[in-house]
Amino acid sequence: MVAALVQRDIAFCVRVDACNWKCVTAFARSGEAERVVTLAAPSEQDACDYELARSPSTVRLIRDVTPSGRVRVLMTSLLDARRYRAAAFGMLYHQRWRVEEAFKRLKCRLRLEAVTGLDYLALQQDFGAKILADNLCTLLSDLDVPREEALDSRPNRLYALGALKPILSGCLPRIARCLERLPAVLAVIHRTRCRIQPSRSYPRPPPKAKPHFHLAYKLA
């Protein structure tokens, strides 16, 4: 993956301290703040499968220490230390959390992988409908929110999704009873916003089995 991103000039920042790479382990034990290393070229089979050149990749390792004292090792293709300061990558990596929460919302709450049919058209329709529902929910959650309130809080997207789900599909064809309920639902969503607390974190919960959907749902 690293070679594919480097050879396609796609900048990236990934966490690699869980990977058993010798260069990462040596860097983690060194106590250095950052180091530029060269990764081995992809194997012949990987180069063939992913259409890559068999050339080594030069990357930059950065040590990031969390407020709790935990050490993380980040890898990036941005090698210019003056332009891209090492201290900025911790915040950059932290921002990926909202993206992961969006994936979880789509897969678990909207059941993106559970489709109503097995043919390609049904898969396209279900995928498009669920992405559209999530986008509309996101837009409506921030509708008419004052700028000061938007900076200090964020919408509770799970609550908003549950509140809009009964009427959202009816609002698109402009069904009167759904449109009449929409202002009251939006008012409740705006009252349930979550206050933003900088540097707040929670311990990762223990792994548990993923929920199994009804047999009528077919995984894509």
N, C-alpha and C. Protein backbone atom coordinates (compact mmCIF):
# COMPACT_ATOMS: atom_id res chain seq x y z
N MET A 1 0.82 -1.20 0.00
CA MET A 1 0.00 0.00 0.00
C MET A 1 0.86 1.25 0.00
N VAL A 2 1.91 1.25 0.82
CA VAL A 2 2.80 2.42 0.88
C VAL A 2 3.44 2.67 -0.48
N ALA A 3 3.93 1.62 -1.12
CA ALA A 3 4.55 1.78 -2.44
C ALA A 3 3.55 2.30 -3.46
N ALA A 4 2.30 1.81 -3.40
CA ALA A 4 1.28 2.28 -4.34
C ALA A 4 0.99 3.76 -4.16
N LEU A 5 0.90 4.23 -2.91
CA LEU A 5 0.64 5.64 -2.66
C LEU A 5 1.81 6.51 -3.07
N VAL A 6 3.03 6.07 -2.75
CA VAL A 6 4.22 6.86 -3.09
C VAL A 6 4.37 6.98 -4.60
N GLN A 7 4.21 5.88 -5.32
CA GLN A 7 4.41 5.91 -6.77
C GLN A 7 3.31 6.66 -7.50
N ARG A 8 2.18 6.84 -6.86
CA ARG A 8 1.09 7.62 -7.46
C ARG A 8 1.05 9.05 -6.94
N ASP A 9 2.08 9.44 -6.18
CA ASP A 9 2.18 10.81 -5.65
C ASP A 9 0.97 11.19 -4.81
N ILE A 10 0.48 10.26 -4.00
CA ILE A 10 -0.64 10.51 -3.10
C ILE A 10 -0.08 10.66 -1.69
N ALA A 11 -0.20 11.85 -1.13
CA ALA A 11 0.32 12.09 0.22
C ALA A 11 -0.52 11.34 1.24
N PHE A 12 0.11 10.82 2.28
CA PHE A 12 -0.61 10.03 3.26
C PHE A 12 0.03 10.19 4.63
N CYS A 13 -0.74 9.84 5.65
CA CYS A 13 -0.27 9.78 7.04
C CYS A 13 -0.99 8.60 7.68
N VAL A 14 -0.22 7.57 8.06
CA VAL A 14 -0.80 6.36 8.62
C VAL A 14 -0.07 6.01 9.91
N ARG A 15 -0.76 5.28 10.76
CA ARG A 15 -0.16 4.81 12.01
C ARG A 15 0.43 3.42 11.78
N VAL A 16 1.68 3.21 12.21
CA VAL A 16 2.39 1.97 11.87
C VAL A 16 3.03 1.30 13.08
N ASP A 17 2.78 1.79 14.31
CA ASP A 17 3.47 1.18 15.45
C ASP A 17 2.98 -0.23 15.74
N ALA A 18 1.81 -0.61 15.19
CA ALA A 18 1.32 -1.98 15.36
C ALA A 18 1.89 -2.92 14.31
N CYS A 19 2.57 -2.37 13.30
CA CYS A 19 3.18 -3.20 12.25
C CYS A 19 4.55 -3.69 12.72
N ASN A 20 4.86 -4.91 12.43
CA ASN A 20 6.13 -5.49 12.86
C ASN A 20 7.24 -5.23 11.84
N TRP A 21 7.44 -3.95 11.52
CA TRP A 21 8.52 -3.58 10.61
C TRP A 21 9.77 -3.27 11.42
N LYS A 22 10.90 -3.77 10.96
CA LYS A 22 12.13 -3.58 11.71
C LYS A 22 12.49 -2.10 11.83
N CYS A 23 12.30 -1.34 10.76
CA CYS A 23 12.66 0.08 10.80
C CYS A 23 11.77 0.84 11.79
N VAL A 24 10.50 0.44 11.89
CA VAL A 24 9.58 1.10 12.83
C VAL A 24 9.94 0.73 14.26
N THR A 25 10.26 -0.54 14.50
CA THR A 25 10.65 -0.96 15.84
C THR A 25 11.92 -0.26 16.29
N ALA A 26 12.92 -0.16 15.37
CA ALA A 26 14.17 0.51 15.71
C ALA A 26 13.95 1.98 15.99
N PHE A 27 13.07 2.61 15.23
CA PHE A 27 12.78 4.03 15.45
C PHE A 27 12.06 4.24 16.78
N ALA A 28 11.12 3.37 17.10
CA ALA A 28 10.38 3.50 18.36
C ALA A 28 11.30 3.37 19.57
N ARG A 29 12.32 2.56 19.46
CA ARG A 29 13.25 2.36 20.57
C ARG A 29 14.34 3.43 20.63
N SER A 30 14.51 4.17 19.54
CA SER A 30 15.61 5.14 19.48
C SER A 30 15.35 6.39 20.30
N GLY A 31 14.09 6.77 20.50
CA GLY A 31 13.77 8.00 21.20
C GLY A 31 13.81 9.23 20.32
N GLU A 32 14.08 9.09 19.02
CA GLU A 32 14.12 10.22 18.10
C GLU A 32 12.71 10.74 17.83
N ALA A 33 12.64 12.02 17.47
CA ALA A 33 11.35 12.63 17.17
C ALA A 33 10.88 12.28 15.76
N GLU A 34 11.79 12.13 14.83
CA GLU A 34 11.45 11.78 13.45
C GLU A 34 12.68 11.20 12.77
N ARG A 35 12.42 10.45 11.70
CA ARG A 35 13.51 9.83 10.96
C ARG A 35 13.01 9.49 9.56
N VAL A 36 13.86 9.70 8.56
CA VAL A 36 13.56 9.33 7.18
C VAL A 36 14.17 7.95 6.92
N VAL A 37 13.34 7.01 6.46
CA VAL A 37 13.80 5.64 6.23
C VAL A 37 13.41 5.24 4.81
N THR A 38 14.02 4.19 4.34
CA THR A 38 13.75 3.64 3.01
C THR A 38 13.20 2.23 3.17
N LEU A 39 12.02 2.01 2.63
CA LEU A 39 11.38 0.70 2.71
C LEU A 39 11.80 -0.14 1.51
N ALA A 40 11.83 -1.44 1.70
CA ALA A 40 12.22 -2.35 0.63
C ALA A 40 11.22 -2.30 -0.52
N ALA A 41 11.69 -2.65 -1.69
CA ALA A 41 10.82 -2.66 -2.86
C ALA A 41 9.77 -3.75 -2.72
N PRO A 42 8.61 -3.59 -3.35
CA PRO A 42 7.57 -4.63 -3.29
C PRO A 42 8.07 -5.93 -3.90
N SER A 43 7.50 -7.02 -3.46
CA SER A 43 7.86 -8.32 -4.04
C SER A 43 7.40 -8.38 -5.49
N GLU A 44 7.90 -9.36 -6.18
CA GLU A 44 7.55 -9.49 -7.60
C GLU A 44 6.05 -9.73 -7.78
N GLN A 45 5.46 -10.55 -6.90
CA GLN A 45 4.04 -10.84 -7.01
C GLN A 45 3.21 -9.61 -6.70
N ASP A 46 3.55 -8.86 -5.65
CA ASP A 46 2.82 -7.64 -5.32
C ASP A 46 2.94 -6.60 -6.42
N ALA A 47 4.13 -6.46 -6.99
CA ALA A 47 4.32 -5.49 -8.08
C ALA A 47 3.46 -5.85 -9.28
N CYS A 48 3.30 -7.15 -9.53
CA CYS A 48 2.46 -7.58 -10.65
C CYS A 48 0.99 -7.37 -10.35
N ASP A 49 0.56 -7.69 -9.12
CA ASP A 49 -0.86 -7.58 -8.77
C ASP A 49 -1.32 -6.14 -8.74
N TYR A 50 -0.48 -5.23 -8.22
CA TYR A 50 -0.90 -3.84 -8.02
C TYR A 50 -0.28 -2.88 -9.04
N GLU A 51 0.35 -3.44 -10.08
CA GLU A 51 0.93 -2.63 -11.17
C GLU A 51 1.90 -1.59 -10.62
N LEU A 52 2.90 -2.07 -9.87
CA LEU A 52 3.89 -1.20 -9.24
C LEU A 52 5.27 -1.46 -9.82
N ALA A 53 6.09 -0.44 -9.74
CA ALA A 53 7.51 -0.61 -10.07
C ALA A 53 8.22 -1.19 -8.86
N ARG A 54 9.17 -2.07 -9.11
CA ARG A 54 9.90 -2.69 -8.01
C ARG A 54 11.03 -1.77 -7.57
N SER A 55 10.64 -0.69 -6.91
CA SER A 55 11.60 0.30 -6.43
C SER A 55 11.31 0.60 -4.97
N PRO A 56 12.35 0.89 -4.17
CA PRO A 56 12.14 1.19 -2.75
C PRO A 56 11.39 2.51 -2.56
N SER A 57 10.77 2.66 -1.40
CA SER A 57 9.99 3.86 -1.08
C SER A 57 10.63 4.57 0.10
N THR A 58 10.78 5.88 -0.03
CA THR A 58 11.34 6.71 1.04
C THR A 58 10.19 7.38 1.78
N VAL A 59 10.14 7.16 3.09
CA VAL A 59 9.06 7.70 3.92
C VAL A 59 9.67 8.33 5.17
N ARG A 60 8.82 8.99 5.92
CA ARG A 60 9.24 9.69 7.13
C ARG A 60 8.47 9.15 8.32
N LEU A 61 9.19 8.76 9.35
CA LEU A 61 8.58 8.27 10.59
C LEU A 61 8.55 9.39 11.62
N ILE A 62 7.43 9.53 12.32
CA ILE A 62 7.25 10.61 13.28
C ILE A 62 6.73 10.02 14.59
N ARG A 63 7.35 10.44 15.69
CA ARG A 63 6.90 10.00 17.01
C ARG A 63 5.84 10.98 17.53
N ASP A 64 4.69 10.44 17.90
CA ASP A 64 3.60 11.27 18.44
C ASP A 64 3.25 10.74 19.82
N VAL A 65 3.26 11.63 20.81
CA VAL A 65 2.96 11.26 22.19
C VAL A 65 1.60 11.85 22.56
N THR A 66 0.67 11.00 22.98
CA THR A 66 -0.68 11.45 23.34
C THR A 66 -0.65 12.13 24.70
N PRO A 67 -1.71 12.90 25.05
CA PRO A 67 -1.76 13.52 26.38
C PRO A 67 -1.65 12.52 27.53
N SER A 68 -2.04 11.26 27.30
CA SER A 68 -1.93 10.25 28.34
C SER A 68 -0.54 9.62 28.41
N GLY A 69 0.35 10.02 27.49
CA GLY A 69 1.71 9.50 27.50
C GLY A 69 1.95 8.33 26.58
N ARG A 70 0.95 7.91 25.84
CA ARG A 70 1.10 6.79 24.92
C ARG A 70 1.85 7.24 23.67
N VAL A 71 2.77 6.41 23.20
CA VAL A 71 3.60 6.74 22.04
C VAL A 71 3.02 6.07 20.81
N ARG A 72 2.83 6.88 19.76
CA ARG A 72 2.38 6.37 18.48
C ARG A 72 3.42 6.70 17.43
N VAL A 73 3.59 5.83 16.46
CA VAL A 73 4.52 6.06 15.36
C VAL A 73 3.70 6.27 14.09
N LEU A 74 3.87 7.41 13.48
CA LEU A 74 3.16 7.75 12.25
C LEU A 74 4.12 7.72 11.08
N MET A 75 3.62 7.32 9.93
CA MET A 75 4.41 7.28 8.70
C MET A 75 3.77 8.19 7.67
N THR A 76 4.57 8.98 6.99
CA THR A 76 4.05 9.91 5.99
C THR A 76 5.00 9.99 4.81
N SER A 77 4.45 10.39 3.68
CA SER A 77 5.26 10.61 2.49
C SER A 77 5.72 12.06 2.38
N LEU A 78 5.30 12.91 3.29
CA LEU A 78 5.70 14.32 3.29
C LEU A 78 7.06 14.43 3.99
N LEU A 79 8.11 14.56 3.21
CA LEU A 79 9.47 14.48 3.74
C LEU A 79 10.04 15.83 4.16
N ASP A 80 9.45 16.93 3.71
CA ASP A 80 9.98 18.25 4.00
C ASP A 80 9.67 18.63 5.45
N ALA A 81 10.67 18.54 6.33
CA ALA A 81 10.44 18.79 7.75
C ALA A 81 10.18 20.26 8.04
N ARG A 82 10.67 21.15 7.20
CA ARG A 82 10.43 22.58 7.44
C ARG A 82 9.01 22.97 7.06
N ARG A 83 8.53 22.43 5.98
CA ARG A 83 7.18 22.78 5.52
C ARG A 83 6.12 22.02 6.31
N TYR A 84 6.41 20.77 6.63
CA TYR A 84 5.44 19.93 7.36
C TYR A 84 6.07 19.54 8.70
N ARG A 85 5.77 20.33 9.72
CA ARG A 85 6.37 20.11 11.04
C ARG A 85 5.86 18.82 11.66
N ALA A 86 6.75 18.16 12.37
CA ALA A 86 6.39 16.89 12.99
C ALA A 86 5.28 17.06 14.03
N ALA A 87 5.26 18.20 14.70
CA ALA A 87 4.26 18.42 15.75
C ALA A 87 2.83 18.50 15.20
N ALA A 88 2.68 18.77 13.90
CA ALA A 88 1.34 18.93 13.33
C ALA A 88 0.69 17.59 12.99
N PHE A 89 1.47 16.52 12.94
CA PHE A 89 0.92 15.25 12.47
C PHE A 89 0.05 14.57 13.53
N GLY A 90 0.30 14.85 14.81
CA GLY A 90 -0.55 14.27 15.84
C GLY A 90 -1.98 14.75 15.70
N MET A 91 -2.18 16.05 15.50
CA MET A 91 -3.53 16.60 15.30
C MET A 91 -4.13 16.10 13.99
N LEU A 92 -3.28 15.98 12.95
CA LEU A 92 -3.77 15.48 11.66
C LEU A 92 -4.28 14.06 11.80
N TYR A 93 -3.54 13.23 12.51
CA TYR A 93 -3.98 11.84 12.70
C TYR A 93 -5.25 11.79 13.53
N HIS A 94 -5.38 12.67 14.51
CA HIS A 94 -6.57 12.67 15.36
C HIS A 94 -7.83 13.03 14.56
N GLN A 95 -7.68 13.82 13.52
CA GLN A 95 -8.84 14.25 12.73
C GLN A 95 -9.45 13.10 11.94
N ARG A 96 -8.72 11.99 11.80
CA ARG A 96 -9.27 10.86 11.03
C ARG A 96 -10.39 10.19 11.80
N TRP A 97 -10.55 10.52 13.11
CA TRP A 97 -11.56 9.85 13.92
C TRP A 97 -12.96 10.10 13.40
N ARG A 98 -13.23 11.30 12.94
CA ARG A 98 -14.57 11.60 12.41
C ARG A 98 -14.85 10.79 11.15
N VAL A 99 -13.81 10.53 10.35
CA VAL A 99 -13.98 9.70 9.16
C VAL A 99 -14.33 8.26 9.56
N GLU A 100 -13.63 7.74 10.57
CA GLU A 100 -13.93 6.39 11.03
C GLU A 100 -15.33 6.30 11.62
N GLU A 101 -15.75 7.35 12.34
CA GLU A 101 -17.11 7.36 12.87
C GLU A 101 -18.14 7.38 11.75
N ALA A 102 -17.82 8.07 10.64
CA ALA A 102 -18.75 8.09 9.51
C ALA A 102 -18.86 6.69 8.88
N PHE A 103 -17.73 5.99 8.76
CA PHE A 103 -17.78 4.63 8.23
C PHE A 103 -18.61 3.73 9.15
N LYS A 104 -18.43 3.87 10.46
CA LYS A 104 -19.21 3.05 11.39
C LYS A 104 -20.69 3.36 11.29
N ARG A 105 -21.02 4.65 11.14
CA ARG A 105 -22.43 5.04 11.02
C ARG A 105 -23.05 4.43 9.76
N LEU A 106 -22.32 4.47 8.66
CA LEU A 106 -22.84 3.94 7.41
C LEU A 106 -22.99 2.42 7.46
N LYS A 107 -22.01 1.74 8.04
CA LYS A 107 -22.01 0.29 8.02
C LYS A 107 -22.94 -0.31 9.08
N CYS A 108 -22.96 0.30 10.27
CA CYS A 108 -23.73 -0.29 11.38
C CYS A 108 -25.14 0.30 11.49
N ARG A 109 -25.25 1.63 11.43
CA ARG A 109 -26.56 2.25 11.62
C ARG A 109 -27.40 2.21 10.36
N LEU A 110 -26.78 2.47 9.21
CA LEU A 110 -27.51 2.44 7.95
C LEU A 110 -27.43 1.09 7.26
N ARG A 111 -26.63 0.17 7.82
CA ARG A 111 -26.50 -1.19 7.27
C ARG A 111 -26.13 -1.16 5.80
N LEU A 112 -25.04 -0.50 5.51
CA LEU A 112 -24.62 -0.33 4.12
C LEU A 112 -24.35 -1.67 3.44
N GLU A 113 -23.87 -2.64 4.19
CA GLU A 113 -23.54 -3.93 3.60
C GLU A 113 -24.74 -4.87 3.50
N ALA A 114 -25.88 -4.48 4.04
CA ALA A 114 -27.09 -5.30 3.97
C ALA A 114 -27.98 -4.74 2.86
N VAL A 115 -28.13 -5.49 1.79
CA VAL A 115 -28.88 -5.02 0.63
C VAL A 115 -30.16 -5.83 0.49
N THR A 116 -31.09 -5.29 -0.27
CA THR A 116 -32.40 -5.93 -0.43
C THR A 116 -32.47 -6.84 -1.63
N GLY A 117 -31.41 -6.93 -2.40
CA GLY A 117 -31.38 -7.81 -3.56
C GLY A 117 -29.96 -8.22 -3.88
N LEU A 118 -29.81 -9.24 -4.70
CA LEU A 118 -28.49 -9.77 -5.00
C LEU A 118 -27.96 -9.34 -6.37
N ASP A 119 -28.78 -8.67 -7.17
CA ASP A 119 -28.28 -8.25 -8.49
C ASP A 119 -27.60 -6.88 -8.37
N TYR A 120 -26.90 -6.51 -9.43
CA TYR A 120 -26.09 -5.29 -9.41
C TYR A 120 -26.96 -4.05 -9.27
N LEU A 121 -28.14 -4.03 -9.89
CA LEU A 121 -29.01 -2.85 -9.82
C LEU A 121 -29.50 -2.63 -8.40
N ALA A 122 -29.88 -3.70 -7.71
CA ALA A 122 -30.33 -3.56 -6.32
C ALA A 122 -29.21 -3.05 -5.44
N LEU A 123 -28.00 -3.54 -5.66
CA LEU A 123 -26.85 -3.06 -4.89
C LEU A 123 -26.62 -1.58 -5.11
N GLN A 124 -26.68 -1.13 -6.36
CA GLN A 124 -26.51 0.29 -6.67
C GLN A 124 -27.59 1.14 -6.01
N GLN A 125 -28.83 0.70 -6.09
CA GLN A 125 -29.93 1.48 -5.54
C GLN A 125 -29.83 1.59 -4.02
N ASP A 126 -29.53 0.48 -3.35
CA ASP A 126 -29.42 0.51 -1.89
C ASP A 126 -28.24 1.36 -1.45
N PHE A 127 -27.11 1.22 -2.13
CA PHE A 127 -25.94 2.01 -1.78
C PHE A 127 -26.22 3.50 -1.96
N GLY A 128 -26.78 3.88 -3.10
CA GLY A 128 -27.07 5.28 -3.35
C GLY A 128 -28.09 5.86 -2.39
N ALA A 129 -29.12 5.08 -2.04
CA ALA A 129 -30.15 5.56 -1.13
C ALA A 129 -29.59 5.81 0.27
N LYS A 130 -28.72 4.92 0.74
CA LYS A 130 -28.19 5.06 2.09
C LYS A 130 -27.17 6.20 2.17
N ILE A 131 -26.37 6.37 1.14
CA ILE A 131 -25.43 7.50 1.13
C ILE A 131 -26.19 8.82 1.06
N LEU A 132 -27.25 8.86 0.23
CA LEU A 132 -28.07 10.07 0.14
C LEU A 132 -28.73 10.38 1.48
N ALA A 133 -29.23 9.35 2.16
CA ALA A 133 -29.88 9.58 3.46
C ALA A 133 -28.88 10.13 4.47
N ASP A 134 -27.66 9.60 4.47
CA ASP A 134 -26.65 10.11 5.42
C ASP A 134 -26.26 11.54 5.08
N ASN A 135 -26.12 11.86 3.80
CA ASN A 135 -25.76 13.23 3.41
C ASN A 135 -26.87 14.22 3.77
N LEU A 136 -28.12 13.85 3.52
CA LEU A 136 -29.24 14.73 3.87
C LEU A 136 -29.33 14.92 5.38
N CYS A 137 -29.10 13.84 6.12
CA CYS A 137 -29.13 13.94 7.58
C CYS A 137 -28.05 14.88 8.08
N THR A 138 -26.86 14.80 7.48
CA THR A 138 -25.76 15.69 7.87
C THR A 138 -26.10 17.15 7.57
N LEU A 139 -26.65 17.41 6.39
CA LEU A 139 -27.00 18.79 6.02
C LEU A 139 -28.11 19.34 6.91
N LEU A 140 -29.13 18.56 7.18
CA LEU A 140 -30.24 19.04 7.99
C LEU A 140 -29.84 19.24 9.45
N SER A 141 -28.85 18.45 9.92
CA SER A 141 -28.43 18.59 11.32
C SER A 141 -27.76 19.93 11.57
N ASP A 142 -27.12 20.51 10.55
CA ASP A 142 -26.43 21.79 10.69
C ASP A 142 -27.21 22.95 10.09
N LEU A 143 -28.45 22.71 9.70
CA LEU A 143 -29.25 23.75 9.05
C LEU A 143 -29.65 24.82 10.06
N ASP A 144 -29.39 26.08 9.70
CA ASP A 144 -29.80 27.25 10.50
C ASP A 144 -29.22 27.24 11.92
N VAL A 145 -28.05 26.66 12.08
CA VAL A 145 -27.38 26.69 13.38
C VAL A 145 -26.49 27.93 13.43
N PRO A 146 -26.60 28.79 14.46
CA PRO A 146 -25.74 29.98 14.55
C PRO A 146 -24.26 29.60 14.52
N ARG A 147 -23.44 30.50 13.96
CA ARG A 147 -22.03 30.23 13.81
C ARG A 147 -21.35 29.98 15.16
N GLU A 148 -21.69 30.75 16.17
CA GLU A 148 -21.08 30.57 17.49
C GLU A 148 -21.40 29.18 18.06
N GLU A 149 -22.63 28.75 17.89
CA GLU A 149 -23.03 27.43 18.39
C GLU A 149 -22.38 26.32 17.59
N ALA A 150 -22.21 26.54 16.28
CA ALA A 150 -21.58 25.52 15.44
C ALA A 150 -20.12 25.32 15.79
N LEU A 151 -19.44 26.38 16.28
CA LEU A 151 -18.03 26.26 16.66
C LEU A 151 -17.86 25.56 18.00
N ASP A 152 -18.84 25.66 18.88
CA ASP A 152 -18.74 25.10 20.22
C ASP A 152 -19.40 23.74 20.36
N SER A 153 -20.13 23.28 19.37
CA SER A 153 -20.83 22.01 19.49
C SER A 153 -20.92 21.35 18.12
N ARG A 154 -21.35 20.13 18.14
CA ARG A 154 -21.55 19.37 16.89
C ARG A 154 -22.84 18.57 17.03
N PRO A 155 -23.47 18.24 15.92
CA PRO A 155 -24.74 17.50 16.01
C PRO A 155 -24.52 16.07 16.48
N ASN A 156 -25.49 15.56 17.18
CA ASN A 156 -25.51 14.14 17.54
C ASN A 156 -26.08 13.39 16.34
N ARG A 157 -25.19 12.88 15.49
CA ARG A 157 -25.62 12.35 14.21
C ARG A 157 -26.43 11.06 14.35
N LEU A 158 -26.14 10.27 15.36
CA LEU A 158 -26.91 9.04 15.56
C LEU A 158 -28.35 9.38 15.96
N TYR A 159 -28.50 10.35 16.86
CA TYR A 159 -29.85 10.77 17.25
C TYR A 159 -30.57 11.39 16.05
N ALA A 160 -29.84 12.22 15.30
CA ALA A 160 -30.46 12.87 14.14
C ALA A 160 -30.92 11.84 13.11
N LEU A 161 -30.11 10.81 12.91
CA LEU A 161 -30.49 9.78 11.95
C LEU A 161 -31.75 9.05 12.40
N GLY A 162 -31.83 8.73 13.69
CA GLY A 162 -33.02 8.05 14.19
C GLY A 162 -34.26 8.92 14.15
N ALA A 163 -34.08 10.25 14.39
CA ALA A 163 -35.24 11.15 14.37
C ALA A 163 -35.74 11.41 12.95
N LEU A 164 -34.83 11.46 11.99
CA LEU A 164 -35.23 11.78 10.61
C LEU A 164 -35.65 10.55 9.82
N LYS A 165 -35.27 9.38 10.27
CA LYS A 165 -35.53 8.17 9.50
C LYS A 165 -37.01 7.96 9.17
N PRO A 166 -37.96 8.20 10.11
CA PRO A 166 -39.37 7.96 9.77
C PRO A 166 -39.94 8.90 8.71
N ILE A 167 -39.36 10.10 8.55
CA ILE A 167 -39.99 11.08 7.66
C ILE A 167 -39.09 11.47 6.48
N LEU A 168 -37.81 11.07 6.50
CA LEU A 168 -36.89 11.57 5.48
C LEU A 168 -37.29 11.12 4.08
N SER A 169 -37.64 9.84 3.94
CA SER A 169 -38.02 9.36 2.61
C SER A 169 -39.30 10.01 2.12
N GLY A 170 -40.19 10.39 3.05
CA GLY A 170 -41.42 11.05 2.65
C GLY A 170 -41.24 12.51 2.30
N CYS A 171 -40.16 13.14 2.78
CA CYS A 171 -39.91 14.54 2.46
C CYS A 171 -39.45 14.72 1.02
N LEU A 172 -38.77 13.72 0.46
CA LEU A 172 -38.27 13.86 -0.91
C LEU A 172 -39.40 13.99 -1.94
N PRO A 173 -40.45 13.15 -1.87
CA PRO A 173 -41.59 13.37 -2.78
C PRO A 173 -42.57 14.42 -2.27
N ARG A 174 -42.20 15.15 -1.21
CA ARG A 174 -42.96 16.26 -0.67
C ARG A 174 -44.34 15.80 -0.16
N ILE A 175 -44.33 14.72 0.61
CA ILE A 175 -45.56 14.28 1.27
C ILE A 175 -45.88 15.27 2.39
N ALA A 176 -47.10 15.74 2.44
CA ALA A 176 -47.47 16.85 3.31
C ALA A 176 -47.23 16.54 4.79
N ARG A 177 -47.64 15.36 5.25
CA ARG A 177 -47.51 15.06 6.69
C ARG A 177 -46.05 14.97 7.11
N CYS A 178 -45.18 14.55 6.21
CA CYS A 178 -43.75 14.47 6.53
C CYS A 178 -43.13 15.87 6.57
N LEU A 179 -43.52 16.71 5.63
CA LEU A 179 -43.00 18.08 5.62
C LEU A 179 -43.48 18.86 6.84
N GLU A 180 -44.69 18.57 7.29
CA GLU A 180 -45.21 19.27 8.47
C GLU A 180 -44.45 18.88 9.74
N ARG A 181 -43.96 17.66 9.81
CA ARG A 181 -43.23 17.20 11.00
C ARG A 181 -41.77 17.61 10.98
N LEU A 182 -41.25 17.99 9.82
CA LEU A 182 -39.82 18.27 9.68
C LEU A 182 -39.34 19.40 10.59
N PRO A 183 -40.01 20.57 10.68
CA PRO A 183 -39.50 21.64 11.56
C PRO A 183 -39.38 21.21 13.01
N ALA A 184 -40.35 20.46 13.53
CA ALA A 184 -40.29 20.02 14.93
C ALA A 184 -39.14 19.05 15.14
N VAL A 185 -38.90 18.17 14.18
CA VAL A 185 -37.79 17.22 14.29
C VAL A 185 -36.46 17.95 14.27
N LEU A 186 -36.32 18.95 13.40
CA LEU A 186 -35.07 19.71 13.33
C LEU A 186 -34.83 20.49 14.62
N ALA A 187 -35.90 20.99 15.22
CA ALA A 187 -35.74 21.73 16.47
C ALA A 187 -35.21 20.81 17.58
N VAL A 188 -35.70 19.59 17.63
CA VAL A 188 -35.23 18.63 18.63
C VAL A 188 -33.77 18.26 18.36
N ILE A 189 -33.41 18.08 17.10
CA ILE A 189 -32.02 17.75 16.74
C ILE A 189 -31.08 18.87 17.17
N HIS A 190 -31.49 20.12 16.98
CA HIS A 190 -30.66 21.25 17.37
C HIS A 190 -30.50 21.35 18.89
N ARG A 191 -31.48 20.88 19.63
CA ARG A 191 -31.39 20.93 21.10
C ARG A 191 -30.53 19.80 21.66
N THR A 192 -30.26 18.79 20.86
CA THR A 192 -29.49 17.64 21.36
C THR A 192 -28.05 17.66 20.84
N ARG A 193 -27.53 18.80 20.48
CA ARG A 193 -26.15 18.90 20.00
C ARG A 193 -25.17 18.56 21.13
N CYS A 194 -24.01 18.06 20.77
CA CYS A 194 -22.97 17.67 21.73
C CYS A 194 -21.93 18.78 21.82
N ARG A 195 -21.60 19.16 23.04
CA ARG A 195 -20.60 20.20 23.24
C ARG A 195 -19.20 19.65 22.93
N ILE A 196 -18.40 20.43 22.22
CA ILE A 196 -17.04 20.02 21.86
C ILE A 196 -16.11 20.26 23.04
N GLN A 197 -15.42 19.22 23.47
CA GLN A 197 -14.45 19.31 24.56
C GLN A 197 -13.07 18.97 24.01
N PRO A 198 -12.18 19.96 23.89
CA PRO A 198 -10.85 19.70 23.32
C PRO A 198 -10.09 18.65 24.11
N SER A 199 -9.33 17.83 23.38
CA SER A 199 -8.45 16.80 23.96
C SER A 199 -9.21 15.73 24.73
N ARG A 200 -10.51 15.63 24.53
CA ARG A 200 -11.26 14.58 25.21
C ARG A 200 -11.02 13.25 24.51
N SER A 201 -10.84 12.20 25.27
CA SER A 201 -10.63 10.88 24.70
C SER A 201 -11.22 9.84 25.64
N TYR A 202 -11.55 8.70 25.08
CA TYR A 202 -12.09 7.59 25.84
C TYR A 202 -11.25 6.34 25.56
N PRO A 203 -11.11 5.47 26.54
CA PRO A 203 -10.38 4.22 26.27
C PRO A 203 -11.14 3.37 25.26
N ARG A 204 -10.39 2.69 24.41
CA ARG A 204 -11.03 1.84 23.41
C ARG A 204 -11.73 0.67 24.09
N PRO A 205 -13.00 0.43 23.78
CA PRO A 205 -13.72 -0.69 24.43
C PRO A 205 -13.16 -2.02 23.98
N PRO A 206 -13.35 -3.07 24.77
CA PRO A 206 -12.87 -4.40 24.36
C PRO A 206 -13.60 -4.87 23.11
N PRO A 207 -12.94 -5.65 22.26
CA PRO A 207 -13.60 -6.13 21.04
C PRO A 207 -14.78 -7.03 21.35
N LYS A 208 -15.79 -6.94 20.53
CA LYS A 208 -16.97 -7.77 20.70
C LYS A 208 -17.47 -8.21 19.34
N ALA A 209 -18.29 -9.23 19.34
CA ALA A 209 -18.80 -9.78 18.09
C ALA A 209 -19.70 -8.75 17.39
N LYS A 210 -19.58 -8.69 16.08
CA LYS A 210 -20.41 -7.77 15.32
C LYS A 210 -21.85 -8.28 15.28
N PRO A 211 -22.82 -7.35 15.26
CA PRO A 211 -24.23 -7.79 15.25
C PRO A 211 -24.56 -8.52 13.95
N HIS A 212 -25.39 -9.53 14.06
CA HIS A 212 -25.83 -10.29 12.89
C HIS A 212 -27.23 -9.81 12.50
N PHE A 213 -27.38 -9.47 11.24
CA PHE A 213 -28.66 -8.99 10.76
C PHE A 213 -29.60 -10.18 10.47
N HIS A 214 -30.85 -9.85 10.25
CA HIS A 214 -31.84 -10.88 9.94
C HIS A 214 -31.44 -11.58 8.64
N LEU A 215 -31.83 -12.86 8.55
CA LEU A 215 -31.43 -13.64 7.39
C LEU A 215 -31.98 -13.08 6.08
N ALA A 216 -33.02 -12.23 6.16
CA ALA A 216 -33.55 -11.64 4.93
C ALA A 216 -32.56 -10.69 4.29
N TYR A 217 -31.63 -10.16 5.09
CA TYR A 217 -30.62 -9.26 4.55
C TYR A 217 -29.48 -10.07 3.98
N LYS A 218 -29.04 -9.70 2.81
CA LYS A 218 -27.93 -10.38 2.14
C LYS A 218 -26.73 -9.44 2.12
N LEU A 219 -25.60 -9.89 2.65
CA LEU A 219 -24.41 -9.06 2.66
C LEU A 219 -23.87 -8.88 1.26
N ALA A 220 -23.48 -7.64 0.93
CA ALA A 220 -22.94 -7.38 -0.41
C ALA A 220 -21.55 -8.00 -0.53
